[in-house]
Amino acid sequence: MPLISLIAAISENRILADSTKEHIHVGIPWNIPSDELRFQEIIYRHPVIVGRKTYATFNKPIANCTTIIVTRDPNFQAFGCLVFHSLQEAITWVKMSETEEIFIAGGGEIYTEAIKIANKLYLTIVEGNFEGDIYFPEFANFGEITKEEKLQENGFNFKFVEIERCVNEITPPPTIR
């Protein structure tokens, strides 16, 4: 079974973006090129599921991966992308061919639905509290931090974090010999 991973850049107060304001990158109030590079490296040659609004921010397939769009609009089409009408439908289809990892890259509604079934989070957490109306879901009890790297770029302090879901493994009773 492939891992289901969420990948996002968020502020300390879990803001993803502000849909009401023009920021550096379509509502995103920071510009961190190394985050964009990390995103491309992590998702390389894997399927990436996004919502229609997130897709509209770049309006083309994500390079070097299969771009899958989830939308309620039955008539929506996007050249070079696959379109499904529920997250579960998209994941079911992807699991037929992907054996390693499926990425979910936004937006807020998709993340909220997907975090319940996710195995891993790849987060860029930007220091500070930002204004916005699109949030990443609460993840404080998601799991264990397995990697963390603190960086600074373009006047922003941030960290790359990987968090794996805590799995309550049932240990079988010892065998009596």
N, C-alpha and C. Protein backbone atom coordinates (compact mmCIF):
# COMPACT_ATOMS: atom_id res chain seq x y z
N MET A 1 0.84 -1.19 0.00
CA MET A 1 0.00 0.00 0.00
C MET A 1 0.88 1.25 0.00
N PRO A 2 0.59 2.18 -0.88
CA PRO A 2 1.39 3.42 -0.88
C PRO A 2 1.07 4.29 0.33
N LEU A 3 2.07 5.07 0.75
CA LEU A 3 1.84 6.08 1.79
C LEU A 3 0.95 7.17 1.21
N ILE A 4 0.14 7.76 2.05
CA ILE A 4 -0.61 8.96 1.68
C ILE A 4 0.01 10.09 2.47
N SER A 5 0.58 11.06 1.76
CA SER A 5 1.33 12.15 2.39
C SER A 5 0.75 13.50 2.01
N LEU A 6 0.66 14.37 3.00
CA LEU A 6 0.26 15.75 2.76
C LEU A 6 1.53 16.59 2.71
N ILE A 7 1.59 17.52 1.76
CA ILE A 7 2.75 18.39 1.63
C ILE A 7 2.24 19.83 1.55
N ALA A 8 2.78 20.70 2.43
CA ALA A 8 2.27 22.07 2.50
C ALA A 8 3.30 23.01 3.09
N ALA A 9 3.14 24.30 2.77
CA ALA A 9 3.88 25.38 3.43
C ALA A 9 2.84 26.16 4.21
N ILE A 10 3.09 26.31 5.52
CA ILE A 10 2.13 26.96 6.40
C ILE A 10 2.86 27.90 7.36
N SER A 11 2.10 28.81 7.96
CA SER A 11 2.67 29.66 9.01
C SER A 11 2.51 28.95 10.35
N GLU A 12 3.09 29.53 11.39
CA GLU A 12 2.96 28.94 12.72
C GLU A 12 1.50 28.87 13.18
N ASN A 13 0.65 29.78 12.68
CA ASN A 13 -0.77 29.72 13.03
C ASN A 13 -1.58 28.98 11.95
N ARG A 14 -0.90 28.13 11.18
CA ARG A 14 -1.47 27.18 10.22
C ARG A 14 -2.11 27.84 8.99
N ILE A 15 -1.76 29.10 8.71
CA ILE A 15 -2.28 29.76 7.51
C ILE A 15 -1.58 29.19 6.28
N LEU A 16 -2.38 28.83 5.28
CA LEU A 16 -1.86 28.41 3.97
C LEU A 16 -1.81 29.60 3.02
N ALA A 17 -2.88 30.40 3.04
CA ALA A 17 -2.96 31.53 2.12
C ALA A 17 -4.11 32.44 2.52
N ASP A 18 -4.20 33.56 1.83
CA ASP A 18 -5.31 34.49 2.01
C ASP A 18 -5.92 34.72 0.64
N SER A 19 -7.10 34.17 0.43
CA SER A 19 -7.73 34.26 -0.89
C SER A 19 -8.25 35.66 -1.20
N THR A 20 -8.29 36.54 -0.18
CA THR A 20 -8.83 37.88 -0.39
C THR A 20 -7.77 38.90 -0.77
N LYS A 21 -6.48 38.51 -0.68
CA LYS A 21 -5.40 39.47 -0.94
C LYS A 21 -4.44 38.95 -1.99
N GLU A 22 -3.86 39.86 -2.70
CA GLU A 22 -2.79 39.52 -3.63
C GLU A 22 -1.48 39.57 -2.86
N HIS A 23 -0.86 38.45 -2.70
CA HIS A 23 0.43 38.39 -2.02
C HIS A 23 1.49 38.02 -3.05
N ILE A 24 2.61 37.58 -2.57
CA ILE A 24 3.74 37.26 -3.43
C ILE A 24 3.36 36.20 -4.46
N HIS A 25 2.74 35.10 -4.00
CA HIS A 25 2.34 34.00 -4.89
C HIS A 25 0.88 33.69 -4.67
N VAL A 26 -0.02 34.36 -5.35
CA VAL A 26 -1.45 34.07 -5.32
C VAL A 26 -1.95 33.82 -3.90
N GLY A 27 -1.86 34.80 -3.05
CA GLY A 27 -2.38 34.70 -1.70
C GLY A 27 -1.42 34.16 -0.67
N ILE A 28 -0.24 33.73 -1.07
CA ILE A 28 0.75 33.20 -0.12
C ILE A 28 1.67 34.34 0.30
N PRO A 29 1.73 34.64 1.60
CA PRO A 29 2.46 35.83 2.05
C PRO A 29 3.96 35.67 2.24
N TRP A 30 4.58 34.65 1.66
CA TRP A 30 6.03 34.50 1.77
C TRP A 30 6.58 34.03 0.44
N ASN A 31 7.85 34.29 0.25
CA ASN A 31 8.54 33.86 -0.97
C ASN A 31 9.78 33.10 -0.54
N ILE A 32 9.72 31.77 -0.64
CA ILE A 32 10.82 30.92 -0.21
C ILE A 32 11.13 29.94 -1.35
N PRO A 33 12.04 30.33 -2.25
CA PRO A 33 12.37 29.47 -3.38
C PRO A 33 12.84 28.06 -3.00
N SER A 34 13.56 27.94 -1.88
CA SER A 34 14.02 26.61 -1.49
C SER A 34 12.85 25.69 -1.12
N ASP A 35 11.74 26.27 -0.67
CA ASP A 35 10.54 25.47 -0.40
C ASP A 35 9.95 24.93 -1.70
N GLU A 36 9.92 25.78 -2.71
CA GLU A 36 9.41 25.35 -4.01
C GLU A 36 10.29 24.24 -4.59
N LEU A 37 11.60 24.38 -4.44
CA LEU A 37 12.53 23.35 -4.91
C LEU A 37 12.33 22.04 -4.14
N ARG A 38 12.19 22.13 -2.82
CA ARG A 38 11.96 20.94 -2.00
C ARG A 38 10.67 20.24 -2.42
N PHE A 39 9.62 21.02 -2.66
CA PHE A 39 8.34 20.47 -3.12
C PHE A 39 8.54 19.64 -4.39
N GLN A 40 9.23 20.24 -5.38
CA GLN A 40 9.47 19.55 -6.65
C GLN A 40 10.30 18.27 -6.44
N GLU A 41 11.29 18.32 -5.57
CA GLU A 41 12.14 17.14 -5.33
C GLU A 41 11.36 16.02 -4.65
N ILE A 42 10.52 16.36 -3.69
CA ILE A 42 9.78 15.34 -2.94
C ILE A 42 8.72 14.67 -3.81
N ILE A 43 7.98 15.45 -4.59
CA ILE A 43 6.88 14.87 -5.37
C ILE A 43 7.32 14.26 -6.69
N TYR A 44 8.57 14.43 -7.06
CA TYR A 44 9.08 14.00 -8.37
C TYR A 44 8.61 12.58 -8.71
N ARG A 45 7.94 12.48 -9.85
CA ARG A 45 7.46 11.22 -10.42
C ARG A 45 6.44 10.48 -9.56
N HIS A 46 5.74 11.21 -8.72
CA HIS A 46 4.66 10.64 -7.92
C HIS A 46 3.35 11.33 -8.30
N PRO A 47 2.22 10.71 -8.04
CA PRO A 47 0.94 11.40 -8.26
C PRO A 47 0.72 12.47 -7.19
N VAL A 48 0.15 13.59 -7.62
CA VAL A 48 -0.15 14.70 -6.71
C VAL A 48 -1.62 15.07 -6.88
N ILE A 49 -2.35 15.02 -5.77
CA ILE A 49 -3.78 15.35 -5.78
C ILE A 49 -3.94 16.76 -5.23
N VAL A 50 -4.69 17.58 -5.97
CA VAL A 50 -5.00 18.95 -5.54
C VAL A 50 -6.48 19.23 -5.80
N GLY A 51 -7.00 20.18 -5.06
CA GLY A 51 -8.35 20.65 -5.32
C GLY A 51 -8.35 21.59 -6.52
N ARG A 52 -9.54 21.86 -7.04
CA ARG A 52 -9.67 22.71 -8.23
C ARG A 52 -9.17 24.13 -7.98
N LYS A 53 -9.44 24.69 -6.80
CA LYS A 53 -8.98 26.05 -6.51
C LYS A 53 -7.46 26.12 -6.42
N THR A 54 -6.86 25.11 -5.83
CA THR A 54 -5.39 25.06 -5.78
C THR A 54 -4.83 24.94 -7.19
N TYR A 55 -5.42 24.06 -8.00
CA TYR A 55 -4.98 23.91 -9.38
C TYR A 55 -5.07 25.25 -10.12
N ALA A 56 -6.11 26.02 -9.86
CA ALA A 56 -6.30 27.31 -10.56
C ALA A 56 -5.17 28.29 -10.27
N THR A 57 -4.43 28.11 -9.17
CA THR A 57 -3.34 29.04 -8.86
C THR A 57 -2.14 28.84 -9.78
N PHE A 58 -1.97 27.65 -10.35
CA PHE A 58 -0.88 27.46 -11.31
C PHE A 58 -1.38 27.09 -12.69
N ASN A 59 -2.61 26.59 -12.81
CA ASN A 59 -3.34 26.42 -14.07
C ASN A 59 -2.61 25.61 -15.14
N LYS A 60 -1.77 24.68 -14.71
CA LYS A 60 -1.12 23.75 -15.64
C LYS A 60 -0.70 22.53 -14.83
N PRO A 61 -0.46 21.41 -15.50
CA PRO A 61 -0.03 20.22 -14.77
C PRO A 61 1.29 20.49 -14.03
N ILE A 62 1.44 19.88 -12.86
CA ILE A 62 2.68 19.99 -12.10
C ILE A 62 3.74 19.19 -12.84
N ALA A 63 4.91 19.77 -13.04
CA ALA A 63 5.97 19.13 -13.81
C ALA A 63 6.43 17.82 -13.17
N ASN A 64 6.70 16.84 -14.01
CA ASN A 64 7.31 15.56 -13.63
C ASN A 64 6.51 14.73 -12.63
N CYS A 65 5.20 14.85 -12.69
CA CYS A 65 4.35 13.98 -11.87
C CYS A 65 2.95 13.93 -12.50
N THR A 66 2.14 13.03 -12.02
CA THR A 66 0.75 12.95 -12.48
C THR A 66 -0.08 13.89 -11.63
N THR A 67 -0.70 14.88 -12.27
CA THR A 67 -1.51 15.86 -11.56
C THR A 67 -2.96 15.40 -11.59
N ILE A 68 -3.54 15.28 -10.40
CA ILE A 68 -4.91 14.81 -10.24
C ILE A 68 -5.70 15.91 -9.54
N ILE A 69 -6.81 16.31 -10.14
CA ILE A 69 -7.63 17.39 -9.60
C ILE A 69 -8.93 16.81 -9.06
N VAL A 70 -9.31 17.26 -7.86
CA VAL A 70 -10.59 16.86 -7.27
C VAL A 70 -11.50 18.08 -7.32
N THR A 71 -12.68 17.88 -7.91
CA THR A 71 -13.65 18.97 -8.04
C THR A 71 -15.06 18.41 -7.99
N ARG A 72 -16.00 19.22 -7.51
CA ARG A 72 -17.41 18.83 -7.53
C ARG A 72 -18.04 19.12 -8.89
N ASP A 73 -17.38 19.93 -9.70
CA ASP A 73 -17.90 20.34 -11.02
C ASP A 73 -17.81 19.17 -12.00
N PRO A 74 -18.94 18.61 -12.42
CA PRO A 74 -18.92 17.44 -13.32
C PRO A 74 -18.41 17.76 -14.73
N ASN A 75 -18.34 19.04 -15.08
CA ASN A 75 -17.89 19.43 -16.42
C ASN A 75 -16.46 19.92 -16.46
N PHE A 76 -15.79 19.98 -15.31
CA PHE A 76 -14.43 20.51 -15.26
C PHE A 76 -13.46 19.59 -15.99
N GLN A 77 -12.60 20.19 -16.80
CA GLN A 77 -11.54 19.47 -17.49
C GLN A 77 -10.27 20.30 -17.42
N ALA A 78 -9.13 19.62 -17.41
CA ALA A 78 -7.85 20.32 -17.41
C ALA A 78 -6.88 19.51 -18.25
N PHE A 79 -6.35 20.12 -19.28
CA PHE A 79 -5.43 19.45 -20.20
C PHE A 79 -4.24 18.88 -19.43
N GLY A 80 -3.94 17.61 -19.68
CA GLY A 80 -2.77 16.97 -19.08
C GLY A 80 -2.96 16.51 -17.65
N CYS A 81 -4.19 16.63 -17.13
CA CYS A 81 -4.48 16.25 -15.75
C CYS A 81 -5.62 15.23 -15.72
N LEU A 82 -5.68 14.49 -14.64
CA LEU A 82 -6.81 13.61 -14.40
C LEU A 82 -7.77 14.34 -13.47
N VAL A 83 -9.07 14.14 -13.67
CA VAL A 83 -10.08 14.83 -12.86
C VAL A 83 -10.99 13.79 -12.21
N PHE A 84 -11.19 13.94 -10.90
CA PHE A 84 -12.10 13.07 -10.15
C PHE A 84 -13.03 13.96 -9.33
N HIS A 85 -14.12 13.36 -8.86
CA HIS A 85 -15.14 14.16 -8.18
C HIS A 85 -15.21 13.90 -6.68
N SER A 86 -14.26 13.13 -6.16
CA SER A 86 -14.11 12.99 -4.71
C SER A 86 -12.67 12.58 -4.43
N LEU A 87 -12.22 12.91 -3.24
CA LEU A 87 -10.86 12.53 -2.85
C LEU A 87 -10.73 11.02 -2.82
N GLN A 88 -11.73 10.33 -2.29
CA GLN A 88 -11.67 8.88 -2.20
C GLN A 88 -11.59 8.23 -3.58
N GLU A 89 -12.34 8.76 -4.53
CA GLU A 89 -12.30 8.26 -5.91
C GLU A 89 -10.89 8.43 -6.50
N ALA A 90 -10.29 9.57 -6.27
CA ALA A 90 -8.94 9.84 -6.78
C ALA A 90 -7.92 8.89 -6.15
N ILE A 91 -7.98 8.74 -4.84
CA ILE A 91 -7.03 7.86 -4.15
C ILE A 91 -7.20 6.41 -4.60
N THR A 92 -8.43 5.96 -4.73
CA THR A 92 -8.69 4.58 -5.17
C THR A 92 -8.07 4.35 -6.54
N TRP A 93 -8.25 5.31 -7.46
CA TRP A 93 -7.70 5.17 -8.81
C TRP A 93 -6.16 5.14 -8.76
N VAL A 94 -5.57 6.05 -8.00
CA VAL A 94 -4.11 6.14 -7.93
C VAL A 94 -3.50 4.88 -7.34
N LYS A 95 -4.14 4.29 -6.35
CA LYS A 95 -3.61 3.09 -5.71
C LYS A 95 -3.46 1.92 -6.68
N MET A 96 -4.16 1.97 -7.81
CA MET A 96 -4.04 0.89 -8.79
C MET A 96 -2.67 0.86 -9.46
N SER A 97 -1.97 2.01 -9.49
CA SER A 97 -0.67 2.05 -10.17
C SER A 97 0.49 2.52 -9.29
N GLU A 98 0.22 3.33 -8.28
CA GLU A 98 1.29 3.87 -7.43
C GLU A 98 1.54 2.91 -6.26
N THR A 99 2.80 2.57 -6.06
CA THR A 99 3.14 1.64 -4.99
C THR A 99 3.90 2.29 -3.85
N GLU A 100 4.43 3.50 -4.07
CA GLU A 100 5.27 4.13 -3.05
C GLU A 100 4.55 5.20 -2.24
N GLU A 101 4.18 6.31 -2.90
CA GLU A 101 3.65 7.44 -2.14
C GLU A 101 2.73 8.29 -3.01
N ILE A 102 1.60 8.67 -2.43
CA ILE A 102 0.62 9.56 -3.05
C ILE A 102 0.69 10.88 -2.29
N PHE A 103 0.80 11.99 -3.01
CA PHE A 103 0.90 13.30 -2.36
C PHE A 103 -0.40 14.07 -2.52
N ILE A 104 -0.76 14.77 -1.46
CA ILE A 104 -1.91 15.66 -1.48
C ILE A 104 -1.37 17.05 -1.18
N ALA A 105 -1.62 18.00 -2.10
CA ALA A 105 -0.99 19.31 -2.03
C ALA A 105 -2.00 20.46 -1.98
N GLY A 106 -3.13 20.24 -1.36
CA GLY A 106 -4.04 21.35 -1.11
C GLY A 106 -5.31 21.33 -1.92
N GLY A 107 -6.12 22.22 -1.60
CA GLY A 107 -6.07 23.27 -0.61
C GLY A 107 -6.66 22.86 0.73
N GLY A 108 -7.16 23.88 1.42
CA GLY A 108 -7.63 23.70 2.78
C GLY A 108 -8.67 22.62 2.96
N GLU A 109 -9.68 22.57 2.10
CA GLU A 109 -10.73 21.56 2.22
C GLU A 109 -10.18 20.15 1.98
N ILE A 110 -9.33 20.01 0.98
CA ILE A 110 -8.74 18.70 0.66
C ILE A 110 -7.86 18.24 1.82
N TYR A 111 -7.03 19.14 2.36
CA TYR A 111 -6.18 18.78 3.50
C TYR A 111 -7.03 18.31 4.69
N THR A 112 -8.12 19.02 4.98
CA THR A 112 -8.97 18.68 6.12
C THR A 112 -9.55 17.28 5.96
N GLU A 113 -9.95 16.93 4.76
CA GLU A 113 -10.48 15.59 4.51
C GLU A 113 -9.36 14.55 4.53
N ALA A 114 -8.23 14.87 3.96
CA ALA A 114 -7.14 13.90 3.78
C ALA A 114 -6.34 13.61 5.04
N ILE A 115 -6.27 14.56 5.98
CA ILE A 115 -5.42 14.33 7.16
C ILE A 115 -5.91 13.14 7.97
N LYS A 116 -7.17 12.81 7.86
CA LYS A 116 -7.74 11.67 8.59
C LYS A 116 -7.17 10.33 8.12
N ILE A 117 -6.72 10.30 6.86
CA ILE A 117 -6.21 9.04 6.29
C ILE A 117 -4.72 9.10 5.96
N ALA A 118 -4.10 10.24 6.24
CA ALA A 118 -2.69 10.43 5.88
C ALA A 118 -1.75 9.63 6.79
N ASN A 119 -0.63 9.23 6.20
CA ASN A 119 0.43 8.55 6.94
C ASN A 119 1.57 9.48 7.32
N LYS A 120 1.73 10.57 6.52
CA LYS A 120 2.91 11.42 6.70
C LYS A 120 2.59 12.86 6.31
N LEU A 121 3.26 13.80 6.99
CA LEU A 121 3.17 15.22 6.64
C LEU A 121 4.56 15.72 6.30
N TYR A 122 4.67 16.42 5.18
CA TYR A 122 5.87 17.17 4.81
C TYR A 122 5.48 18.64 4.92
N LEU A 123 5.96 19.32 5.95
CA LEU A 123 5.56 20.70 6.16
C LEU A 123 6.75 21.64 6.11
N THR A 124 6.51 22.80 5.53
CA THR A 124 7.41 23.93 5.68
C THR A 124 6.65 24.86 6.60
N ILE A 125 7.20 25.11 7.78
CA ILE A 125 6.52 25.95 8.77
C ILE A 125 7.26 27.28 8.85
N VAL A 126 6.59 28.35 8.39
CA VAL A 126 7.18 29.68 8.34
C VAL A 126 6.93 30.36 9.68
N GLU A 127 8.02 30.89 10.26
CA GLU A 127 7.93 31.53 11.57
C GLU A 127 7.05 32.76 11.49
N GLY A 128 6.18 32.91 12.48
CA GLY A 128 5.31 34.07 12.56
C GLY A 128 3.86 33.70 12.34
N ASN A 129 3.00 34.63 12.73
CA ASN A 129 1.56 34.46 12.52
C ASN A 129 1.15 35.38 11.39
N PHE A 130 0.48 34.82 10.42
CA PHE A 130 0.06 35.56 9.24
C PHE A 130 -1.45 35.63 9.18
N GLU A 131 -1.95 36.63 8.46
CA GLU A 131 -3.39 36.74 8.23
C GLU A 131 -3.74 35.90 7.02
N GLY A 132 -4.91 35.30 7.08
CA GLY A 132 -5.38 34.51 5.95
C GLY A 132 -6.70 33.86 6.25
N ASP A 133 -7.28 33.25 5.23
CA ASP A 133 -8.58 32.60 5.40
C ASP A 133 -8.55 31.13 4.97
N ILE A 134 -7.38 30.64 4.61
CA ILE A 134 -7.25 29.23 4.23
C ILE A 134 -6.25 28.61 5.21
N TYR A 135 -6.73 27.62 5.96
CA TYR A 135 -5.94 27.01 7.03
C TYR A 135 -5.60 25.56 6.72
N PHE A 136 -4.45 25.14 7.24
CA PHE A 136 -4.09 23.73 7.29
C PHE A 136 -4.75 23.18 8.55
N PRO A 137 -5.24 21.95 8.52
CA PRO A 137 -5.91 21.41 9.71
C PRO A 137 -4.95 21.22 10.90
N GLU A 138 -5.53 21.13 12.08
CA GLU A 138 -4.77 20.90 13.31
C GLU A 138 -4.01 19.59 13.17
N PHE A 139 -2.73 19.61 13.55
CA PHE A 139 -1.91 18.40 13.41
C PHE A 139 -1.06 18.12 14.65
N ALA A 140 -1.33 18.81 15.74
CA ALA A 140 -0.51 18.68 16.95
C ALA A 140 -0.41 17.23 17.44
N ASN A 141 -1.46 16.46 17.29
CA ASN A 141 -1.45 15.07 17.75
C ASN A 141 -1.31 14.08 16.60
N PHE A 142 -0.83 14.55 15.46
CA PHE A 142 -0.72 13.68 14.28
C PHE A 142 0.27 12.55 14.49
N GLY A 143 1.46 12.90 14.95
CA GLY A 143 2.48 11.87 15.07
C GLY A 143 3.80 12.41 15.55
N GLU A 144 4.84 11.71 15.16
CA GLU A 144 6.20 11.98 15.63
C GLU A 144 7.02 12.69 14.56
N ILE A 145 7.73 13.75 14.97
CA ILE A 145 8.63 14.44 14.04
C ILE A 145 9.82 13.52 13.78
N THR A 146 10.04 13.21 12.51
CA THR A 146 11.15 12.33 12.15
C THR A 146 12.31 13.10 11.53
N LYS A 147 12.04 14.31 11.01
CA LYS A 147 13.09 15.17 10.45
C LYS A 147 12.71 16.61 10.70
N GLU A 148 13.72 17.43 10.97
CA GLU A 148 13.49 18.86 11.14
C GLU A 148 14.77 19.60 10.76
N GLU A 149 14.61 20.62 9.91
CA GLU A 149 15.75 21.43 9.47
C GLU A 149 15.34 22.89 9.49
N LYS A 150 16.06 23.71 10.27
CA LYS A 150 15.76 25.14 10.37
C LYS A 150 16.58 25.92 9.35
N LEU A 151 15.92 26.87 8.69
CA LEU A 151 16.56 27.65 7.63
C LEU A 151 16.08 29.10 7.66
N GLN A 152 16.73 29.93 6.85
CA GLN A 152 16.35 31.33 6.68
C GLN A 152 16.57 31.69 5.22
N GLU A 153 15.61 32.39 4.63
CA GLU A 153 15.74 32.81 3.24
C GLU A 153 14.79 33.98 2.97
N ASN A 154 15.26 34.96 2.23
CA ASN A 154 14.45 36.12 1.86
C ASN A 154 13.80 36.80 3.07
N GLY A 155 14.48 36.79 4.19
CA GLY A 155 13.95 37.43 5.40
C GLY A 155 12.95 36.60 6.17
N PHE A 156 12.73 35.37 5.79
CA PHE A 156 11.80 34.48 6.48
C PHE A 156 12.57 33.37 7.18
N ASN A 157 12.26 33.14 8.45
CA ASN A 157 12.78 31.99 9.18
C ASN A 157 11.74 30.89 9.04
N PHE A 158 12.19 29.67 8.79
CA PHE A 158 11.26 28.56 8.58
C PHE A 158 11.97 27.25 8.85
N LYS A 159 11.18 26.20 8.91
CA LYS A 159 11.77 24.88 9.07
C LYS A 159 11.04 23.88 8.20
N PHE A 160 11.81 22.93 7.67
CA PHE A 160 11.25 21.79 6.95
C PHE A 160 11.05 20.70 8.00
N VAL A 161 9.86 20.17 8.06
CA VAL A 161 9.52 19.16 9.06
C VAL A 161 8.84 17.98 8.38
N GLU A 162 9.20 16.77 8.80
CA GLU A 162 8.49 15.57 8.38
C GLU A 162 7.91 14.93 9.64
N ILE A 163 6.63 14.61 9.58
CA ILE A 163 5.93 14.02 10.72
C ILE A 163 5.26 12.74 10.25
N GLU A 164 5.51 11.65 10.97
CA GLU A 164 4.88 10.37 10.63
C GLU A 164 3.83 10.04 11.67
N ARG A 165 2.73 9.50 11.18
CA ARG A 165 1.60 9.18 12.06
C ARG A 165 2.03 8.16 13.11
N CYS A 166 1.55 8.40 14.32
CA CYS A 166 1.78 7.42 15.40
C CYS A 166 0.89 6.21 15.12
N VAL A 167 1.48 5.06 15.16
CA VAL A 167 0.74 3.84 14.92
C VAL A 167 0.77 3.04 16.22
N ASN A 168 -0.40 2.75 16.73
CA ASN A 168 -0.48 1.94 17.94
C ASN A 168 -0.42 0.49 17.54
N GLU A 169 0.75 -0.06 17.65
CA GLU A 169 0.94 -1.45 17.27
C GLU A 169 0.59 -2.34 18.46
N ILE A 170 -0.16 -3.37 18.16
CA ILE A 170 -0.50 -4.33 19.20
C ILE A 170 0.58 -5.38 19.20
N THR A 171 1.24 -5.49 20.33
CA THR A 171 2.31 -6.48 20.44
C THR A 171 1.69 -7.82 20.81
N PRO A 172 1.97 -8.85 20.03
CA PRO A 172 1.39 -10.17 20.36
C PRO A 172 1.99 -10.68 21.67
N PRO A 173 1.23 -11.49 22.39
CA PRO A 173 1.77 -12.03 23.65
C PRO A 173 2.98 -12.90 23.38
N PRO A 174 3.91 -12.99 24.34
CA PRO A 174 5.10 -13.82 24.12
C PRO A 174 4.74 -15.29 23.98
N THR A 175 5.51 -15.97 23.18
CA THR A 175 5.30 -17.40 22.96
C THR A 175 5.94 -18.16 24.12
N ILE A 176 5.16 -19.06 24.69
CA ILE A 176 5.70 -19.88 25.79
C ILE A 176 6.33 -21.11 25.17
N ARG A 177 7.57 -21.41 25.58
CA ARG A 177 8.28 -22.56 25.00
C ARG A 177 8.45 -23.64 26.01
